[in-house]
């Protein structure tokens, strides 16, 4: 796969390009995440998972290889259901294999291959929504996604949405960009070869809403109790919000 972009250019956000990219990365995606985050990605996901309670039907939006899906299934303790929705069939293959290894006797998990923009068309009502590092890939349809989440979640349903952002501090931003430009590509090329989309992570973060802008977007979509916390030296954001009422 050729280099996707330079930082000065907007990265692709159409579904076809995103599906192709993540299909090619699926096999070693988990290892890549662990290496590039120094293992901290598990901590960030654990904080997002704190909204999950037994008895809920939980949506993992853009579930990828199933990190949050499996974590939610564990927190449900057999009471409830998790639905993992993702555009990439190859990512879902990896997720299914991980589920089988962890729960060989089965678990209350369903997988849906499809677009995040179509979440409301599935006719399912969710009691909680999780998302891990997906929103910035949905820039072109993000408002449609948020409308769909309001239509497909119950009144009072909490949302926990993780994603990247550029650090606010000029010093940390320079350090982060140096890390993304010099170190991350070394791991990426070692793991994925020519399929690694060099520059995509940093550019998609740079083009995405800043935390206060994303918080405003969530409020505009009708969500309440919106707040965010920043981790990872300023590069990781966890957004929390609540759907105050079911929208039909």
Protein backbone atom coordinates (compact mmCIF):
# COMPACT_ATOMS: atom_id res chain seq x y z
CA UNK A 1 0.00 0.00 0.00
CA UNK A 2 1.54 3.35 -0.94
CA UNK A 3 2.04 6.13 1.53
CA UNK A 4 -1.42 7.48 2.32
CA UNK A 5 -0.61 11.13 2.95
CA UNK A 6 1.66 13.80 4.28
CA UNK A 7 0.72 15.75 7.36
CA UNK A 8 -0.22 18.81 5.33
CA UNK A 9 -2.86 16.81 3.41
CA UNK A 10 -6.23 15.60 4.65
CA UNK A 11 -6.28 11.82 5.11
CA UNK A 12 -8.99 9.75 3.43
CA UNK A 13 -12.23 9.36 5.35
CA UNK A 14 -14.42 7.59 2.79
CA UNK A 15 -15.62 4.13 3.75
CA UNK A 16 -13.96 2.29 0.88
CA UNK A 17 -10.48 3.63 1.68
CA UNK A 18 -10.92 3.04 5.42
CA UNK A 19 -12.13 -0.54 4.89
CA UNK A 20 -9.20 -1.36 2.60
CA UNK A 21 -6.66 0.15 4.98
CA UNK A 22 -7.87 -1.69 8.05
CA UNK A 23 -8.34 -4.98 6.20
CA UNK A 24 -4.63 -4.84 5.41
CA UNK A 25 -3.62 -3.99 8.98
CA UNK A 26 -5.83 -6.48 10.84
CA UNK A 27 -3.39 -9.34 11.31
CA UNK A 28 -0.89 -7.45 13.47
CA UNK A 29 -3.01 -4.51 14.54
CA UNK A 30 -3.12 -5.47 18.22
CA UNK A 31 0.65 -5.84 18.44
CA UNK A 32 1.11 -2.49 16.71
CA UNK A 33 -1.21 -0.79 19.23
CA UNK A 34 0.62 -2.32 22.16
CA UNK A 35 4.03 -1.26 20.85
CA UNK A 36 3.14 2.29 19.84
CA UNK A 37 1.27 3.02 23.08
CA UNK A 38 3.84 1.26 25.30
CA UNK A 39 0.97 -0.90 26.54
CA UNK A 40 -1.03 2.08 27.79
CA UNK A 41 -3.89 1.41 25.36
CA UNK A 42 -5.24 -1.22 27.76
CA UNK A 43 -5.50 1.39 30.53
CA UNK A 44 -7.32 3.89 28.30
CA UNK A 45 -9.78 1.22 27.20
CA UNK A 46 -10.35 0.14 30.80
CA UNK A 47 -11.40 3.70 31.64
CA UNK A 48 -13.87 3.69 28.75
CA UNK A 49 -15.24 0.32 29.88
CA UNK A 50 -16.17 1.72 33.30
CA UNK A 51 -19.61 2.66 31.93
CA UNK A 52 -20.57 -0.98 31.30
CA UNK A 53 -22.90 -2.71 33.78
CA UNK A 54 -24.39 -6.23 33.86
CA UNK A 55 -27.71 -6.42 32.06
CA UNK A 56 -26.93 -3.81 29.41
CA UNK A 57 -26.95 -4.21 25.65
CA UNK A 58 -23.67 -2.56 24.66
CA UNK A 59 -22.55 -1.31 21.26
CA UNK A 60 -18.86 -1.24 20.38
CA UNK A 61 -18.88 1.18 17.45
CA UNK A 62 -16.01 0.45 15.07
CA UNK A 63 -15.00 -2.55 17.16
CA UNK A 64 -11.95 -3.49 15.09
CA UNK A 65 -10.30 -6.58 16.52
CA UNK A 66 -12.60 -6.56 19.53
CA UNK A 67 -10.64 -5.10 22.45
CA UNK A 68 -13.57 -3.15 23.87
CA UNK A 69 -16.09 -5.81 22.82
CA UNK A 70 -14.30 -8.51 24.80
CA UNK A 71 -13.76 -6.18 27.75
CA UNK A 72 -17.46 -5.32 27.79
CA UNK A 73 -18.43 -9.00 27.62
CA UNK A 74 -16.29 -9.65 30.69
CA UNK A 75 -17.93 -6.79 32.62
CA UNK A 76 -21.42 -8.01 31.72
CA UNK A 77 -20.77 -11.29 33.57
CA UNK A 78 -23.13 -13.19 31.30
CA UNK A 79 -25.98 -10.71 31.78
CA UNK A 80 -26.68 -8.68 28.67
CA UNK A 81 -25.19 -8.54 25.20
CA UNK A 82 -22.39 -6.84 23.30
CA UNK A 83 -22.66 -5.96 19.62
CA UNK A 84 -19.43 -5.28 17.77
CA UNK A 85 -19.96 -3.20 14.62
CA UNK A 86 -17.17 -2.67 12.11
CA UNK A 87 -16.70 -1.87 8.45
CA UNK A 88 -13.70 -4.18 7.95
CA UNK A 89 -14.44 -7.89 7.41
CA UNK A 90 -10.83 -8.81 8.14
CA UNK A 91 -10.90 -6.96 11.47
CA UNK A 92 -14.06 -8.87 12.37
CA UNK A 93 -12.38 -12.17 11.48
CA UNK A 94 -9.64 -11.42 13.98
CA UNK A 95 -12.23 -10.34 16.57
CA UNK A 96 -14.21 -13.57 16.16
CA UNK A 97 -11.05 -15.64 16.57
CA UNK A 98 -10.12 -13.74 19.74
CA UNK A 99 -13.62 -14.28 21.15
CA UNK A 100 -13.41 -18.01 20.46
CA UNK A 101 -10.04 -18.26 22.20
CA UNK A 102 -11.18 -16.35 25.27
CA UNK A 103 -14.67 -17.84 25.50
CA UNK A 104 -14.59 -21.29 23.85
CA UNK A 105 -17.98 -22.10 25.37
CA UNK A 106 -19.49 -18.96 23.86
CA UNK A 107 -20.32 -15.47 25.11
CA UNK A 108 -23.19 -12.98 24.58
CA UNK A 109 -21.49 -11.23 21.67
CA UNK A 110 -22.75 -10.51 18.16
CA UNK A 111 -20.81 -9.08 15.25
CA UNK A 112 -22.22 -6.80 12.54
CA UNK A 113 -20.29 -5.88 9.42
CA UNK A 114 -21.42 -2.47 8.28
CA UNK A 115 -21.09 1.28 8.32
CA UNK A 116 -21.25 3.29 11.51
CA UNK A 117 -23.53 5.73 9.70
CA UNK A 118 -26.18 2.98 9.45
CA UNK A 119 -26.28 2.05 13.13
CA UNK A 120 -29.88 3.22 13.57
CA UNK A 121 -31.06 1.03 10.69
CA UNK A 122 -30.33 -2.21 12.55
CA UNK A 123 -33.41 -1.90 14.73
CA UNK A 124 -31.47 -2.47 17.96
CA UNK A 125 -31.63 -0.31 21.08
CA UNK A 126 -28.44 -0.04 23.12
CA UNK A 127 -27.99 0.83 26.78
CA UNK A 128 -24.35 1.94 26.42
CA UNK A 129 -21.98 2.83 23.58
CA UNK A 130 -18.23 2.37 23.40
CA UNK A 131 -15.82 3.45 20.70
CA UNK A 132 -12.04 3.13 20.53
CA UNK A 133 -10.01 5.32 18.15
CA UNK A 134 -12.68 5.35 15.46
CA UNK A 135 -14.31 8.77 15.36
CA UNK A 136 -11.55 10.56 13.48
CA UNK A 137 -11.88 7.95 10.70
CA UNK A 138 -15.55 8.98 10.33
CA UNK A 139 -15.03 12.71 9.83
CA UNK A 140 -17.11 12.95 6.67
CA UNK A 141 -20.13 11.25 8.26
CA UNK A 142 -19.64 11.96 11.94
CA UNK A 143 -22.77 14.04 12.46
CA UNK A 144 -24.84 11.30 10.82
CA UNK A 145 -23.23 8.77 13.15
CA UNK A 146 -24.11 10.83 16.22
CA UNK A 147 -27.71 11.21 15.07
CA UNK A 148 -27.84 7.45 14.59
CA UNK A 149 -26.49 6.84 18.08
CA UNK A 150 -29.18 9.04 19.59
CA UNK A 151 -31.85 7.14 17.68
CA UNK A 152 -30.48 3.73 18.67
CA UNK A 153 -29.76 4.28 22.38
CA UNK A 154 -32.12 4.22 25.33
CA UNK A 155 -32.86 7.22 27.53
CA UNK A 156 -29.98 7.69 29.96
CA UNK A 157 -27.56 5.56 27.93
CA UNK A 158 -23.91 6.52 28.58
CA UNK A 159 -21.32 6.86 25.84
CA UNK A 160 -17.54 6.51 26.20
CA UNK A 161 -15.57 7.46 23.10
CA UNK A 162 -11.77 7.30 22.85
CA UNK A 163 -9.69 8.97 20.17
CA UNK A 164 -6.47 10.75 19.31
CA UNK A 165 -5.82 14.46 19.33
CA UNK A 166 -2.81 16.68 18.86
CA UNK A 167 -1.33 17.79 22.20
CA UNK A 168 -2.16 21.39 23.10
CA UNK A 169 1.29 22.23 24.44
CA UNK A 170 3.61 23.35 21.65
CA UNK A 171 6.49 21.44 23.24
CA UNK A 172 4.49 18.22 23.59
CA UNK A 173 3.05 18.65 20.10
CA UNK A 174 6.53 18.83 18.59
CA UNK A 175 7.61 15.78 20.58
CA UNK A 176 4.46 13.89 19.59
CA UNK A 177 4.92 14.70 15.91
CA UNK A 178 8.55 13.61 16.05
CA UNK A 179 7.49 10.33 17.63
CA UNK A 180 4.74 9.80 15.05
CA UNK A 181 7.02 10.72 12.14
CA UNK A 182 10.15 8.82 13.18
CA UNK A 183 9.42 6.01 15.64
CA UNK A 184 5.90 4.84 14.77
CA UNK A 185 6.81 4.24 11.09
CA UNK A 186 9.67 1.96 12.16
CA UNK A 187 7.25 -0.36 13.95
CA UNK A 188 4.65 0.06 11.24
CA UNK A 189 6.93 -0.90 8.40
CA UNK A 190 8.42 -3.79 10.41
CA UNK A 191 4.95 -5.22 11.08
CA UNK A 192 3.05 -4.31 7.91
CA UNK A 193 5.67 -3.60 5.29
CA UNK A 194 4.30 -1.60 2.37
CA UNK A 195 0.76 -1.81 3.74
CA UNK A 196 1.55 0.59 6.58
CA UNK A 197 -0.28 3.90 5.98
CA UNK A 198 2.62 6.16 6.94
CA UNK A 199 1.45 9.50 8.29
CA UNK A 200 -2.20 8.52 8.63
CA UNK A 201 -2.43 8.46 12.43
CA UNK A 202 -0.89 11.88 12.94
CA UNK A 203 -2.70 13.49 10.02
CA UNK A 204 -6.11 12.12 10.98
CA UNK A 205 -5.60 13.44 14.51
CA UNK A 206 -4.53 16.85 13.17
CA UNK A 207 -7.58 17.07 10.91
CA UNK A 208 -10.03 15.95 13.56
CA UNK A 209 -11.96 18.14 16.03
CA UNK A 210 -10.00 19.46 18.97
CA UNK A 211 -11.41 18.20 22.30
CA UNK A 212 -13.50 21.29 22.97
CA UNK A 213 -14.81 21.18 19.39
CA UNK A 214 -15.75 17.53 19.68
CA UNK A 215 -17.46 18.21 23.00
CA UNK A 216 -19.47 20.97 21.33
CA UNK A 217 -20.38 18.61 18.49
CA UNK A 218 -21.68 16.05 20.99
CA UNK A 219 -23.80 18.71 22.69
CA UNK A 220 -25.14 19.90 19.33
CA UNK A 221 -26.17 16.32 18.59
CA UNK A 222 -28.36 16.47 21.71
CA UNK A 223 -26.14 14.58 24.14
CA UNK A 224 -25.79 15.83 27.71
CA UNK A 225 -23.34 15.51 30.61
CA UNK A 226 -20.56 15.90 28.04
CA UNK A 227 -17.04 15.94 29.42
CA UNK A 228 -13.61 14.82 28.34
CA UNK A 229 -10.35 13.74 29.92
CA UNK A 230 -6.96 13.87 28.25
CA UNK A 231 -4.30 11.19 28.63
CA UNK A 232 -1.13 10.05 26.90
CA UNK A 233 0.85 13.30 27.30
CA UNK A 234 -2.02 15.16 25.68
CA UNK A 235 -2.62 12.91 22.67
CA UNK A 236 -5.51 10.70 23.87
CA UNK A 237 -9.02 11.91 24.71
CA UNK A 238 -11.85 10.05 26.42
CA UNK A 239 -15.21 11.69 25.77
CA UNK A 240 -18.14 10.81 28.02
CA UNK A 241 -21.74 11.77 27.35
CA UNK A 242 -25.31 10.65 28.01
CA UNK A 243 -28.30 10.34 25.70
CA UNK A 244 -31.01 12.16 27.71
CA UNK A 245 -33.91 10.65 25.77
CA UNK A 246 -34.65 8.22 22.99
CA UNK A 247 -35.06 9.97 19.62
CA UNK A 248 -37.19 8.20 17.02
